[in-house]
Amino acid sequence: MAVTVKHAAMGTKIRSMQGKMLAKSDYDRLLKMSTVSAAAHFLKEFESLDLVLSGINDKEAHRGDLEKRLGTQMILEFKKLYNFADSGTKKFLSIYFMQFELGLLKRIARAVNAGEQQKHAENSDEFLKKHLHFDLNEAYNSQSIKDLIGYISTVKCFSVLSSMLKAKDKCDVFTFEMTLDVYFYNLVAKSIKHISDKTEKEIFLKYFGTKVDLLNLEWIYRCKVNFETDNETIFSYIIPIYYKIGKKDVASLVNARKDEFLSLAKKTRYGKIFNGGELEFEIQVFLKDFYRKLKANYPYSATAILCYLQLRRIEAGNIISVIEGIRYSLTEEETRKFLVI
């Protein structure tokens, strides 16, 4: 009851904001657009997208530009919720913001690795300048992943992260991103222990536990099926939050032979993601349904805020897929296959 009362106002605000998201019928209309300009004109009818898509044209509408623009939209959405939240909820939202920060570092690492720092560099608004733990311009000025790790080591709150990165024999983009994930979910595991409200703690664990189960499954799958990685390396990146897949089951999956892994994975509660489709896409479909259900079951919990933000992130990915489909002259049905709706 306490959880419901505490977050009732925030739950009402989220419901209002979610009502402004794209519906299935909107995607149907969007898929029929033949030019980027027409698609952008339609999307600008939605209040949350009008500002970030202003001035977009066919030349600018590549994935990098769209990710930057829709990343700005995510910041604006987060800012609305953060400014509306009470002090207790702001502490909770800081966990999401840390994940957002680490996502930015991943994007910077990919730009640095490709030598495209200036192309992808983004302007930091006042909200970001106030809340980011690192300077965007300094990070984008890195000339290599090693330089980026060196810069991170100067940021006080990332001291543990920089130590983890420096401990790696080599640090390419893949290793960098995996280390950031392990670092973040270790922080989450510590945060869960300090949640005093029993109901909120259970909901929070369900949210993050499910995400970690899926991340571990995806990691093991890619290592077994795509890269034939040794088991010691696989274990080094396992995130130590065991929700519906216990520690022993994770060990069995890691130790399984390549030809045994899929049959074991299909026996877990997440077996349907191994239906022969592209794994990353199947995980996104699973999570989209999971976020909707969790938010519907606990509309006034703090975790409902995270579910809403993740649904917005999925929507942004869908918009990128549609506009790229237009740019590359894909048919409506070809593009629809990439949408998580």
C-alpha atoms as a PDB file:
ATOM      1  CA  MET A   1       0.000   0.000   0.000  1.00  0.00           C
ATOM      2  CA  ALA A   2       2.842   2.366   0.875  1.00  0.00           C
ATOM      3  CA  VAL A   3       4.401   1.898  -2.556  1.00  0.00           C
ATOM      4  CA  THR A   4       1.087   2.711  -4.270  1.00  0.00           C
ATOM      5  CA  VAL A   5       0.510   5.903  -2.321  1.00  0.00           C
ATOM      6  CA  LYS A   6       4.100   7.112  -2.589  1.00  0.00           C
ATOM      7  CA  HIS A   7       4.245   6.956  -6.404  1.00  0.00           C
ATOM      8  CA  ALA A   8       0.592   7.638  -7.313  1.00  0.00           C
ATOM      9  CA  ALA A   9       1.256  11.108  -8.764  1.00  0.00           C
ATOM     10  CA  MET A  10       4.231   9.840 -10.785  1.00  0.00           C
ATOM     11  CA  GLY A  11       2.169   6.905 -12.046  1.00  0.00           C
ATOM     12  CA  THR A  12      -0.508   9.304 -13.299  1.00  0.00           C
ATOM     13  CA  LYS A  13       2.116  11.419 -15.084  1.00  0.00           C
ATOM     14  CA  ILE A  14       3.662   8.367 -16.757  1.00  0.00           C
ATOM     15  CA  ARG A  15       0.251   7.206 -17.955  1.00  0.00           C
ATOM     16  CA  SER A  16      -0.268  10.636 -19.535  1.00  0.00           C
ATOM     17  CA  MET A  17       3.170  10.577 -21.201  1.00  0.00           C
ATOM     18  CA  GLN A  18       2.720   7.024 -22.458  1.00  0.00           C
ATOM     19  CA  GLY A  19      -0.526   8.070 -24.116  1.00  0.00           C
ATOM     20  CA  LYS A  20       1.579  10.223 -26.449  1.00  0.00           C
ATOM     21  CA  MET A  21       3.652   7.309 -27.741  1.00  0.00           C
ATOM     22  CA  LEU A  22       3.172   5.747 -31.172  1.00  0.00           C
ATOM     23  CA  ALA A  23       0.368   3.186 -31.401  1.00  0.00           C
ATOM     24  CA  LYS A  24       0.310   0.231 -33.817  1.00  0.00           C
ATOM     25  CA  SER A  25      -1.918   2.231 -36.186  1.00  0.00           C
ATOM     26  CA  ASP A  26       0.706   5.018 -36.198  1.00  0.00           C
ATOM     27  CA  TYR A  27       3.392   2.546 -37.235  1.00  0.00           C
ATOM     28  CA  ASP A  28       1.089   1.300 -40.012  1.00  0.00           C
ATOM     29  CA  ARG A  29       0.851   4.862 -41.350  1.00  0.00           C
ATOM     30  CA  LEU A  30       4.562   5.496 -40.896  1.00  0.00           C
ATOM     31  CA  LEU A  31       5.494   2.383 -42.864  1.00  0.00           C
ATOM     32  CA  LYS A  32       3.619   3.711 -45.876  1.00  0.00           C
ATOM     33  CA  MET A  33       5.751   6.864 -46.077  1.00  0.00           C
ATOM     34  CA  SER A  34       8.016   6.999 -49.127  1.00  0.00           C
ATOM     35  CA  THR A  35      10.404   9.780 -48.062  1.00  0.00           C
ATOM     36  CA  VAL A  36      12.262  10.698 -44.899  1.00  0.00           C
ATOM     37  CA  SER A  37      10.717  14.179 -45.013  1.00  0.00           C
ATOM     38  CA  ALA A  38       7.195  12.730 -45.078  1.00  0.00           C
ATOM     39  CA  ALA A  39       8.001  10.392 -42.182  1.00  0.00           C
ATOM     40  CA  ALA A  40       9.535  13.232 -40.143  1.00  0.00           C
ATOM     41  CA  HIS A  41       6.537  15.476 -40.882  1.00  0.00           C
ATOM     42  CA  PHE A  42       4.207  12.767 -39.576  1.00  0.00           C
ATOM     43  CA  LEU A  43       6.324  12.079 -36.482  1.00  0.00           C
ATOM     44  CA  LYS A  44       6.456  15.778 -35.613  1.00  0.00           C
ATOM     45  CA  GLU A  45       2.726  15.570 -34.936  1.00  0.00           C
ATOM     46  CA  PHE A  46       3.760  13.856 -31.700  1.00  0.00           C
ATOM     47  CA  GLU A  47       4.628  16.419 -29.061  1.00  0.00           C
ATOM     48  CA  SER A  48       7.662  14.543 -27.716  1.00  0.00           C
ATOM     49  CA  LEU A  49       9.229  14.180 -31.186  1.00  0.00           C
ATOM     50  CA  ASP A  50       8.540  17.594 -32.700  1.00  0.00           C
ATOM     51  CA  LEU A  51      11.583  19.353 -31.230  1.00  0.00           C
ATOM     52  CA  VAL A  52      14.172  16.605 -31.812  1.00  0.00           C
ATOM     53  CA  LEU A  53      13.160  15.965 -35.448  1.00  0.00           C
ATOM     54  CA  SER A  54      12.990  19.617 -36.425  1.00  0.00           C
ATOM     55  CA  GLY A  55      14.912  20.330 -39.629  1.00  0.00           C
ATOM     56  CA  ILE A  56      15.772  16.721 -40.427  1.00  0.00           C
ATOM     57  CA  ASN A  57      16.278  15.914 -44.109  1.00  0.00           C
ATOM     58  CA  ASP A  58      17.141  12.916 -46.280  1.00  0.00           C
ATOM     59  CA  LYS A  59      20.895  13.578 -46.142  1.00  0.00           C
ATOM     60  CA  GLU A  60      21.046  13.876 -42.345  1.00  0.00           C
ATOM     61  CA  ALA A  61      18.790  10.928 -41.615  1.00  0.00           C
ATOM     62  CA  HIS A  62      21.510   8.320 -41.091  1.00  0.00           C
ATOM     63  CA  ARG A  63      21.648   6.076 -38.023  1.00  0.00           C
ATOM     64  CA  GLY A  64      24.203   8.211 -36.160  1.00  0.00           C
ATOM     65  CA  ASP A  65      22.180  11.410 -36.555  1.00  0.00           C
ATOM     66  CA  LEU A  66      18.939   9.665 -35.600  1.00  0.00           C
ATOM     67  CA  GLU A  67      20.504   8.081 -32.524  1.00  0.00           C
ATOM     68  CA  LYS A  68      21.755  11.510 -31.464  1.00  0.00           C
ATOM     69  CA  ARG A  69      18.379  13.184 -32.019  1.00  0.00           C
ATOM     70  CA  LEU A  70      16.359  10.439 -30.322  1.00  0.00           C
ATOM     71  CA  GLY A  71      18.913  10.305 -27.524  1.00  0.00           C
ATOM     72  CA  THR A  72      18.059  13.955 -26.942  1.00  0.00           C
ATOM     73  CA  GLN A  73      14.394  12.975 -26.745  1.00  0.00           C
ATOM     74  CA  MET A  74      15.221  10.384 -24.069  1.00  0.00           C
ATOM     75  CA  ILE A  75      17.024  13.072 -22.066  1.00  0.00           C
ATOM     76  CA  LEU A  76      13.982  15.345 -22.326  1.00  0.00           C
ATOM     77  CA  GLU A  77      11.663  12.535 -21.186  1.00  0.00           C
ATOM     78  CA  PHE A  78      13.944  11.712 -18.273  1.00  0.00           C
ATOM     79  CA  LYS A  79      14.221  15.385 -17.347  1.00  0.00           C
ATOM     80  CA  LYS A  80      10.419  15.728 -17.143  1.00  0.00           C
ATOM     81  CA  LEU A  81      10.196  12.774 -14.780  1.00  0.00           C
ATOM     82  CA  TYR A  82      13.229  13.788 -12.729  1.00  0.00           C
ATOM     83  CA  ASN A  83      11.985  17.341 -12.197  1.00  0.00           C
ATOM     84  CA  PHE A  84       8.557  15.983 -11.195  1.00  0.00           C
ATOM     85  CA  ALA A  85       9.961  13.383  -8.755  1.00  0.00           C
ATOM     86  CA  ASP A  86      10.382  13.727  -5.007  1.00  0.00           C
ATOM     87  CA  SER A  87      13.829  13.305  -3.447  1.00  0.00           C
ATOM     88  CA  GLY A  88      13.367   9.580  -2.781  1.00  0.00           C
ATOM     89  CA  THR A  89      12.322   8.853  -6.360  1.00  0.00           C
ATOM     90  CA  LYS A  90      15.218  10.956  -7.682  1.00  0.00           C
ATOM     91  CA  LYS A  91      17.640   8.608  -5.895  1.00  0.00           C
ATOM     92  CA  PHE A  92      15.915   5.710  -7.614  1.00  0.00           C
ATOM     93  CA  LEU A  93      16.096   7.447 -10.995  1.00  0.00           C
ATOM     94  CA  SER A  94      19.825   7.991 -10.518  1.00  0.00           C
ATOM     95  CA  ILE A  95      20.269   4.255 -11.210  1.00  0.00           C
ATOM     96  CA  TYR A  96      18.690   4.686 -14.640  1.00  0.00           C
ATOM     97  CA  PHE A  97      20.803   7.770 -15.261  1.00  0.00           C
ATOM     98  CA  MET A  98      23.969   5.835 -14.489  1.00  0.00           C
ATOM     99  CA  GLN A  99      22.949   3.293 -17.137  1.00  0.00           C
ATOM    100  CA  PHE A 100      22.335   6.189 -19.525  1.00  0.00           C
ATOM    101  CA  GLU A 101      25.830   7.556 -18.769  1.00  0.00           C
ATOM    102  CA  LEU A 102      27.438   4.200 -19.438  1.00  0.00           C
ATOM    103  CA  GLY A 103      25.439   3.985 -22.679  1.00  0.00           C
ATOM    104  CA  LEU A 104      26.964   7.324 -23.685  1.00  0.00           C
ATOM    105  CA  LEU A 105      30.442   5.981 -22.923  1.00  0.00           C
ATOM    106  CA  LYS A 106      29.736   2.963 -25.160  1.00  0.00           C
ATOM    107  CA  ARG A 107      28.666   5.269 -27.985  1.00  0.00           C
ATOM    108  CA  ILE A 108      31.788   7.389 -27.487  1.00  0.00           C
ATOM    109  CA  ALA A 109      33.979   4.263 -27.530  1.00  0.00           C
ATOM    110  CA  ARG A 110      32.476   3.164 -30.860  1.00  0.00           C
ATOM    111  CA  ALA A 111      33.016   6.660 -32.317  1.00  0.00           C
ATOM    112  CA  VAL A 112      36.621   6.776 -31.051  1.00  0.00           C
ATOM    113  CA  ASN A 113      37.329   3.311 -32.434  1.00  0.00           C
ATOM    114  CA  ALA A 114      35.982   4.364 -35.846  1.00  0.00           C
ATOM    115  CA  GLY A 115      37.863   7.672 -35.777  1.00  0.00           C
ATOM    116  CA  GLU A 116      34.549   9.552 -36.018  1.00  0.00           C
ATOM    117  CA  GLN A 117      34.632  11.550 -32.777  1.00  0.00           C
ATOM    118  CA  GLN A 118      33.707  14.873 -34.355  1.00  0.00           C
ATOM    119  CA  LYS A 119      30.954  13.343 -36.465  1.00  0.00           C
ATOM    120  CA  HIS A 120      29.227  11.863 -33.423  1.00  0.00           C
ATOM    121  CA  ALA A 121      30.070  14.479 -30.776  1.00  0.00           C
ATOM    122  CA  GLU A 122      26.959  15.955 -29.222  1.00  0.00           C
ATOM    123  CA  ASN A 123      26.118  19.155 -27.456  1.00  0.00           C
ATOM    124  CA  SER A 124      25.443  18.835 -23.759  1.00  0.00           C
ATOM    125  CA  ASP A 125      22.433  20.761 -22.446  1.00  0.00           C
ATOM    126  CA  GLU A 126      22.353  22.238 -18.960  1.00  0.00           C
ATOM    127  CA  PHE A 127      20.642  19.188 -17.449  1.00  0.00           C
ATOM    128  CA  LEU A 128      23.375  16.878 -18.738  1.00  0.00           C
ATOM    129  CA  LYS A 129      26.146  19.253 -17.679  1.00  0.00           C
ATOM    130  CA  LYS A 130      24.730  19.271 -14.165  1.00  0.00           C
ATOM    131  CA  HIS A 131      24.185  15.513 -13.797  1.00  0.00           C
ATOM    132  CA  LEU A 132      26.822  13.777 -15.937  1.00  0.00           C
ATOM    133  CA  HIS A 133      29.833  12.585 -13.962  1.00  0.00           C
ATOM    134  CA  PHE A 134      32.146  13.165 -16.919  1.00  0.00           C
ATOM    135  CA  ASP A 135      32.729  15.851 -19.534  1.00  0.00           C
ATOM    136  CA  LEU A 136      31.374  14.871 -22.954  1.00  0.00           C
ATOM    137  CA  ASN A 137      33.908  16.974 -24.873  1.00  0.00           C
ATOM    138  CA  GLU A 138      36.839  15.529 -22.931  1.00  0.00           C
ATOM    139  CA  ALA A 139      35.616  11.988 -23.586  1.00  0.00           C
ATOM    140  CA  TYR A 140      35.092  12.637 -27.314  1.00  0.00           C
ATOM    141  CA  ASN A 141      38.610  14.124 -27.530  1.00  0.00           C
ATOM    142  CA  SER A 142      40.068  10.661 -26.813  1.00  0.00           C
ATOM    143  CA  GLN A 143      42.157   9.348 -29.709  1.00  0.00           C
ATOM    144  CA  SER A 144      41.909   5.677 -28.735  1.00  0.00           C
ATOM    145  CA  ILE A 145      40.085   3.341 -26.344  1.00  0.00           C
ATOM    146  CA  LYS A 146      43.207   3.476 -24.179  1.00  0.00           C
ATOM    147  CA  ASP A 147      42.931   7.289 -24.048  1.00  0.00           C
ATOM    148  CA  LEU A 148      39.242   7.008 -23.129  1.00  0.00           C
ATOM    149  CA  ILE A 149      40.045   4.610 -20.272  1.00  0.00           C
ATOM    150  CA  GLY A 150      42.756   7.034 -19.153  1.00  0.00           C
ATOM    151  CA  TYR A 151      40.221   9.853 -19.049  1.00  0.00           C
ATOM    152  CA  ILE A 152      37.678   7.720 -17.150  1.00  0.00           C
ATOM    153  CA  SER A 153      40.326   7.005 -14.513  1.00  0.00           C
ATOM    154  CA  THR A 154      40.309  10.726 -13.637  1.00  0.00           C
ATOM    155  CA  VAL A 155      36.568  10.660 -12.876  1.00  0.00           C
ATOM    156  CA  LYS A 156      36.140   9.969  -9.163  1.00  0.00           C
ATOM    157  CA  CYS A 157      32.914   7.937  -9.247  1.00  0.00           C
ATOM    158  CA  PHE A 158      34.344   5.654 -11.975  1.00  0.00           C
ATOM    159  CA  SER A 159      37.447   4.583 -10.023  1.00  0.00           C
ATOM    160  CA  VAL A 160      36.249   0.963  -9.740  1.00  0.00           C
ATOM    161  CA  LEU A 161      35.286   0.923 -13.423  1.00  0.00           C
ATOM    162  CA  SER A 162      38.670   2.255 -14.537  1.00  0.00           C
ATOM    163  CA  SER A 163      40.416  -0.410 -12.404  1.00  0.00           C
ATOM    164  CA  MET A 164      38.302  -3.122 -14.043  1.00  0.00           C
ATOM    165  CA  LEU A 165      39.176  -1.825 -17.510  1.00  0.00           C
ATOM    166  CA  LYS A 166      42.881  -1.496 -16.772  1.00  0.00           C
ATOM    167  CA  ALA A 167      42.954  -5.099 -15.514  1.00  0.00           C
ATOM    168  CA  LYS A 168      42.056  -6.407 -18.994  1.00  0.00           C
ATOM    169  CA  ASP A 169      44.911  -7.761 -21.115  1.00  0.00           C
ATOM    170  CA  LYS A 170      43.429  -5.939 -24.084  1.00  0.00           C
ATOM    171  CA  CYS A 171      40.526  -3.529 -24.299  1.00  0.00           C
ATOM    172  CA  ASP A 172      38.759  -3.329 -27.608  1.00  0.00           C
ATOM    173  CA  VAL A 173      35.233  -1.919 -27.965  1.00  0.00           C
ATOM    174  CA  PHE A 174      33.644  -5.283 -27.154  1.00  0.00           C
ATOM    175  CA  THR A 175      35.636  -5.722 -23.934  1.00  0.00           C
ATOM    176  CA  PHE A 176      34.980  -2.090 -22.997  1.00  0.00           C
ATOM    177  CA  GLU A 177      31.198  -2.478 -23.404  1.00  0.00           C
ATOM    178  CA  MET A 178      31.031  -5.821 -21.573  1.00  0.00           C
ATOM    179  CA  THR A 179      33.030  -4.405 -18.661  1.00  0.00           C
ATOM    180  CA  LEU A 180      30.636  -1.447 -18.414  1.00  0.00           C
ATOM    181  CA  ASP A 181      27.676  -3.847 -18.223  1.00  0.00           C
ATOM    182  CA  VAL A 182      29.285  -5.929 -15.459  1.00  0.00           C
ATOM    183  CA  TYR A 183      30.168  -2.749 -13.552  1.00  0.00           C
ATOM    184  CA  PHE A 184      26.618  -1.364 -13.803  1.00  0.00           C
ATOM    185  CA  TYR A 185      24.846  -4.526 -12.701  1.00  0.00           C
ATOM    186  CA  ASN A 186      27.237  -4.975  -9.785  1.00  0.00           C
ATOM    187  CA  LEU A 187      26.070  -1.513  -8.675  1.00  0.00           C
ATOM    188  CA  VAL A 188      22.456  -2.628  -9.139  1.00  0.00           C
ATOM    189  CA  ALA A 189      23.029  -5.742  -7.007  1.00  0.00           C
ATOM    190  CA  LYS A 190      24.323  -3.544  -4.173  1.00  0.00           C
ATOM    191  CA  SER A 191      21.372  -1.144  -4.578  1.00  0.00           C
ATOM    192  CA  ILE A 192      18.823  -3.959  -4.316  1.00  0.00           C
ATOM    193  CA  LYS A 193      20.203  -4.925  -0.902  1.00  0.00           C
ATOM    194  CA  HIS A 194      19.478  -1.410   0.419  1.00  0.00           C
ATOM    195  CA  ILE A 195      15.806  -1.168  -0.626  1.00  0.00           C
ATOM    196  CA  SER A 196      13.832  -1.271   2.620  1.00  0.00           C
ATOM    197  CA  ASP A 197      10.300  -1.604   1.199  1.00  0.00           C
ATOM    198  CA  LYS A 198       9.732  -5.336   0.641  1.00  0.00           C
ATOM    199  CA  THR A 199       7.256  -4.964  -2.240  1.00  0.00           C
ATOM    200  CA  GLU A 200       9.353  -2.376  -4.064  1.00  0.00           C
ATOM    201  CA  LYS A 201      12.402  -4.576  -3.601  1.00  0.00           C
ATOM    202  CA  GLU A 202      10.626  -7.581  -5.173  1.00  0.00           C
ATOM    203  CA  ILE A 203       9.461  -5.512  -8.179  1.00  0.00           C
ATOM    204  CA  PHE A 204      12.905  -3.976  -8.634  1.00  0.00           C
ATOM    205  CA  LEU A 205      14.535  -7.429  -8.504  1.00  0.00           C
ATOM    206  CA  LYS A 206      12.037  -8.754 -11.041  1.00  0.00           C
ATOM    207  CA  TYR A 207      12.867  -5.894 -13.418  1.00  0.00           C
ATOM    208  CA  PHE A 208      16.648  -6.126 -13.195  1.00  0.00           C
ATOM    209  CA  GLY A 209      16.780  -9.882 -12.566  1.00  0.00           C
ATOM    210  CA  THR A 210      14.952 -10.584 -15.828  1.00  0.00           C
ATOM    211  CA  LYS A 211      17.245  -8.214 -17.757  1.00  0.00           C
ATOM    212  CA  VAL A 212      20.361  -9.837 -16.299  1.00  0.00           C
ATOM    213  CA  ASP A 213      19.108 -13.380 -17.007  1.00  0.00           C
ATOM    214  CA  LEU A 214      18.655 -12.378 -20.648  1.00  0.00           C
ATOM    215  CA  LEU A 215      22.019 -10.597 -20.858  1.00  0.00           C
ATOM    216  CA  ASN A 216      23.801 -13.650 -19.446  1.00  0.00           C
ATOM    217  CA  LEU A 217      21.964 -15.945 -21.857  1.00  0.00           C
ATOM    218  CA  GLU A 218      22.826 -13.725 -24.813  1.00  0.00           C
ATOM    219  CA  TRP A 219      26.456 -13.506 -23.749  1.00  0.00           C
ATOM    220  CA  ILE A 220      26.819 -17.291 -23.336  1.00  0.00           C
ATOM    221  CA  TYR A 221      25.034 -17.905 -26.659  1.00  0.00           C
ATOM    222  CA  ARG A 222      27.272 -15.545 -28.610  1.00  0.00           C
ATOM    223  CA  CYS A 223      30.406 -16.994 -27.035  1.00  0.00           C
ATOM    224  CA  LYS A 224      29.344 -20.601 -27.661  1.00  0.00           C
ATOM    225  CA  VAL A 225      27.765 -20.267 -31.083  1.00  0.00           C
ATOM    226  CA  ASN A 226      29.562 -17.324 -32.725  1.00  0.00           C
ATOM    227  CA  PHE A 227      33.023 -17.112 -31.188  1.00  0.00           C
ATOM    228  CA  GLU A 228      33.860 -20.442 -29.491  1.00  0.00           C
ATOM    229  CA  THR A 229      35.178 -18.522 -26.468  1.00  0.00           C
ATOM    230  CA  ASP A 230      36.826 -20.493 -23.664  1.00  0.00           C
ATOM    231  CA  ASN A 231      34.718 -21.083 -20.549  1.00  0.00           C
ATOM    232  CA  GLU A 232      37.025 -19.088 -18.248  1.00  0.00           C
ATOM    233  CA  THR A 233      36.480 -15.951 -20.321  1.00  0.00           C
ATOM    234  CA  ILE A 234      32.717 -16.542 -20.460  1.00  0.00           C
ATOM    235  CA  PHE A 235      32.549 -16.855 -16.663  1.00  0.00           C
ATOM    236  CA  SER A 236      34.530 -13.622 -16.243  1.00  0.00           C
ATOM    237  CA  TYR A 237      31.679 -11.648 -17.832  1.00  0.00           C
ATOM    238  CA  ILE A 238      28.738 -13.366 -16.144  1.00  0.00           C
ATOM    239  CA  ILE A 239      26.724 -10.779 -14.197  1.00  0.00           C
ATOM    240  CA  PRO A 240      26.242 -12.151 -10.645  1.00  0.00           C
ATOM    241  CA  ILE A 241      22.503 -11.587 -10.302  1.00  0.00           C
ATOM    242  CA  TYR A 242      20.768 -14.964 -10.522  1.00  0.00           C
ATOM    243  CA  TYR A 243      17.010 -14.525 -10.853  1.00  0.00           C
ATOM    244  CA  LYS A 244      15.114 -17.252 -12.712  1.00  0.00           C
ATOM    245  CA  ILE A 245      18.295 -18.934 -13.898  1.00  0.00           C
ATOM    246  CA  GLY A 246      20.223 -20.046 -10.826  1.00  0.00           C
ATOM    247  CA  LYS A 247      23.979 -20.041 -10.395  1.00  0.00           C
ATOM    248  CA  LYS A 248      24.243 -23.800 -11.007  1.00  0.00           C
ATOM    249  CA  ASP A 249      22.118 -23.531 -14.159  1.00  0.00           C
ATOM    250  CA  VAL A 250      24.297 -20.704 -15.476  1.00  0.00           C
ATOM    251  CA  ALA A 251      27.372 -22.864 -14.825  1.00  0.00           C
ATOM    252  CA  SER A 252      25.749 -25.769 -16.701  1.00  0.00           C
ATOM    253  CA  LEU A 253      25.025 -23.502 -19.671  1.00  0.00           C
ATOM    254  CA  VAL A 254      28.606 -22.201 -19.730  1.00  0.00           C
ATOM    255  CA  ASN A 255      30.103 -25.695 -19.411  1.00  0.00           C
ATOM    256  CA  ALA A 256      27.801 -27.210 -22.035  1.00  0.00           C
ATOM    257  CA  ARG A 257      29.198 -28.171 -25.408  1.00  0.00           C
ATOM    258  CA  LYS A 258      28.137 -25.997 -28.326  1.00  0.00           C
ATOM    259  CA  ASP A 259      25.683 -28.652 -29.543  1.00  0.00           C
ATOM    260  CA  GLU A 260      24.176 -29.012 -26.036  1.00  0.00           C
ATOM    261  CA  PHE A 261      23.706 -25.339 -25.240  1.00  0.00           C
ATOM    262  CA  LEU A 262      20.520 -24.641 -27.231  1.00  0.00           C
ATOM    263  CA  SER A 263      18.629 -27.626 -25.834  1.00  0.00           C
ATOM    264  CA  LEU A 264      19.485 -26.499 -22.280  1.00  0.00           C
ATOM    265  CA  ALA A 265      18.663 -22.842 -23.002  1.00  0.00           C
ATOM    266  CA  LYS A 266      15.248 -23.782 -24.425  1.00  0.00           C
ATOM    267  CA  LYS A 267      14.371 -25.427 -21.091  1.00  0.00           C
ATOM    268  CA  THR A 268      14.741 -22.151 -19.191  1.00  0.00           C
ATOM    269  CA  ARG A 269      11.800 -19.778 -18.729  1.00  0.00           C
ATOM    270  CA  TYR A 270      13.247 -17.741 -21.595  1.00  0.00           C
ATOM    271  CA  GLY A 271      13.257 -20.639 -24.040  1.00  0.00           C
ATOM    272  CA  LYS A 272      11.035 -18.913 -26.577  1.00  0.00           C
ATOM    273  CA  ILE A 273      13.770 -16.409 -27.491  1.00  0.00           C
ATOM    274  CA  PHE A 274      15.649 -19.317 -29.067  1.00  0.00           C
ATOM    275  CA  ASN A 275      13.038 -19.889 -31.773  1.00  0.00           C
ATOM    276  CA  GLY A 276      15.401 -19.514 -34.704  1.00  0.00           C
ATOM    277  CA  GLY A 277      15.065 -15.731 -35.111  1.00  0.00           C
ATOM    278  CA  GLU A 278      17.841 -13.168 -34.594  1.00  0.00           C
ATOM    279  CA  LEU A 279      18.547 -13.418 -30.864  1.00  0.00           C
ATOM    280  CA  GLU A 280      18.934  -9.701 -30.093  1.00  0.00           C
ATOM    281  CA  PHE A 281      15.594  -8.986 -31.786  1.00  0.00           C
ATOM    282  CA  GLU A 282      13.824 -11.831 -29.929  1.00  0.00           C
ATOM    283  CA  ILE A 283      15.154 -10.503 -26.619  1.00  0.00           C
ATOM    284  CA  GLN A 284      13.799  -7.030 -27.412  1.00  0.00           C
ATOM    285  CA  VAL A 285      10.368  -8.508 -28.215  1.00  0.00           C
ATOM    286  CA  PHE A 286      10.429 -10.455 -24.935  1.00  0.00           C
ATOM    287  CA  LEU A 287      11.447  -7.359 -22.951  1.00  0.00           C
ATOM    288  CA  LYS A 288       8.829  -5.138 -24.617  1.00  0.00           C
ATOM    289  CA  ASP A 289       6.057  -7.508 -23.481  1.00  0.00           C
ATOM    290  CA  PHE A 290       7.711  -7.833 -20.064  1.00  0.00           C
ATOM    291  CA  TYR A 291       7.913  -4.045 -19.529  1.00  0.00           C
ATOM    292  CA  ARG A 292       4.283  -3.560 -20.526  1.00  0.00           C
ATOM    293  CA  LYS A 293       3.083  -6.315 -18.214  1.00  0.00           C
ATOM    294  CA  LEU A 294       5.222  -5.221 -15.262  1.00  0.00           C
ATOM    295  CA  LYS A 295       4.103  -1.610 -15.626  1.00  0.00           C
ATOM    296  CA  ALA A 296       0.451  -2.666 -15.894  1.00  0.00           C
ATOM    297  CA  ASN A 297       0.698  -4.873 -12.797  1.00  0.00           C
ATOM    298  CA  TYR A 298       2.529  -2.262 -10.699  1.00  0.00           C
ATOM    299  CA  PRO A 299       1.543   1.108 -12.225  1.00  0.00           C
ATOM    300  CA  TYR A 300       2.442   3.122  -9.133  1.00  0.00           C
ATOM    301  CA  SER A 301       5.766   1.478  -8.287  1.00  0.00           C
ATOM    302  CA  ALA A 302       9.061   3.237  -8.882  1.00  0.00           C
ATOM    303  CA  THR A 303       9.988   0.451 -11.315  1.00  0.00           C
ATOM    304  CA  ALA A 304       7.083   1.522 -13.563  1.00  0.00           C
ATOM    305  CA  ILE A 305       9.141   4.638 -14.332  1.00  0.00           C
ATOM    306  CA  LEU A 306      11.987   2.471 -15.620  1.00  0.00           C
ATOM    307  CA  CYS A 307       9.568   0.361 -17.683  1.00  0.00           C
ATOM    308  CA  TYR A 308       8.173   3.496 -19.319  1.00  0.00           C
ATOM    309  CA  LEU A 309      11.656   4.789 -20.179  1.00  0.00           C
ATOM    310  CA  GLN A 310      12.620   1.431 -21.669  1.00  0.00           C
ATOM    311  CA  LEU A 311       9.455   1.398 -23.802  1.00  0.00           C
ATOM    312  CA  ARG A 312      10.464   4.851 -25.046  1.00  0.00           C
ATOM    313  CA  ARG A 313      13.907   3.485 -25.912  1.00  0.00           C
ATOM    314  CA  ILE A 314      12.312   0.654 -27.917  1.00  0.00           C
ATOM    315  CA  GLU A 315      10.109   3.202 -29.699  1.00  0.00           C
ATOM    316  CA  ALA A 316      13.231   5.187 -30.650  1.00  0.00           C
ATOM    317  CA  GLY A 317      14.763   2.037 -32.116  1.00  0.00           C
ATOM    318  CA  ASN A 318      11.610   1.435 -34.147  1.00  0.00           C
ATOM    319  CA  ILE A 319      11.686   4.974 -35.549  1.00  0.00           C
ATOM    320  CA  ILE A 320      15.319   4.508 -36.606  1.00  0.00           C
ATOM    321  CA  SER A 321      14.424   1.219 -38.312  1.00  0.00           C
ATOM    322  CA  VAL A 322      11.534   2.805 -40.246  1.00  0.00           C
ATOM    323  CA  ILE A 323      13.559   5.798 -41.448  1.00  0.00           C
ATOM    324  CA  GLU A 324      16.495   3.603 -42.435  1.00  0.00           C
ATOM    325  CA  GLY A 325      14.034   1.363 -44.277  1.00  0.00           C
ATOM    326  CA  ILE A 326      12.897   4.403 -46.272  1.00  0.00           C
ATOM    327  CA  ARG A 327      16.486   5.475 -46.989  1.00  0.00           C
ATOM    328  CA  TYR A 328      17.381   2.025 -48.320  1.00  0.00           C
ATOM    329  CA  SER A 329      14.109   1.626 -50.250  1.00  0.00           C
ATOM    330  CA  LEU A 330      12.918  -1.435 -48.314  1.00  0.00           C
ATOM    331  CA  THR A 331       9.325  -2.553 -48.791  1.00  0.00           C
ATOM    332  CA  GLU A 332       6.784  -2.021 -46.030  1.00  0.00           C
ATOM    333  CA  GLU A 333       6.887  -5.706 -45.085  1.00  0.00           C
ATOM    334  CA  GLU A 334      10.683  -5.853 -45.132  1.00  0.00           C
ATOM    335  CA  THR A 335      10.887  -2.915 -42.718  1.00  0.00           C
ATOM    336  CA  ARG A 336       8.105  -4.254 -40.478  1.00  0.00           C
ATOM    337  CA  LYS A 337      10.252  -7.309 -39.684  1.00  0.00           C
ATOM    338  CA  PHE A 338      12.675  -5.026 -37.814  1.00  0.00           C
ATOM    339  CA  LEU A 339      10.036  -3.392 -35.592  1.00  0.00           C
ATOM    340  CA  VAL A 340       9.470  -4.370 -31.981  1.00  0.00           C
ATOM    341  CA  ILE A 341       5.729  -3.617 -31.680  1.00  0.00           C
END
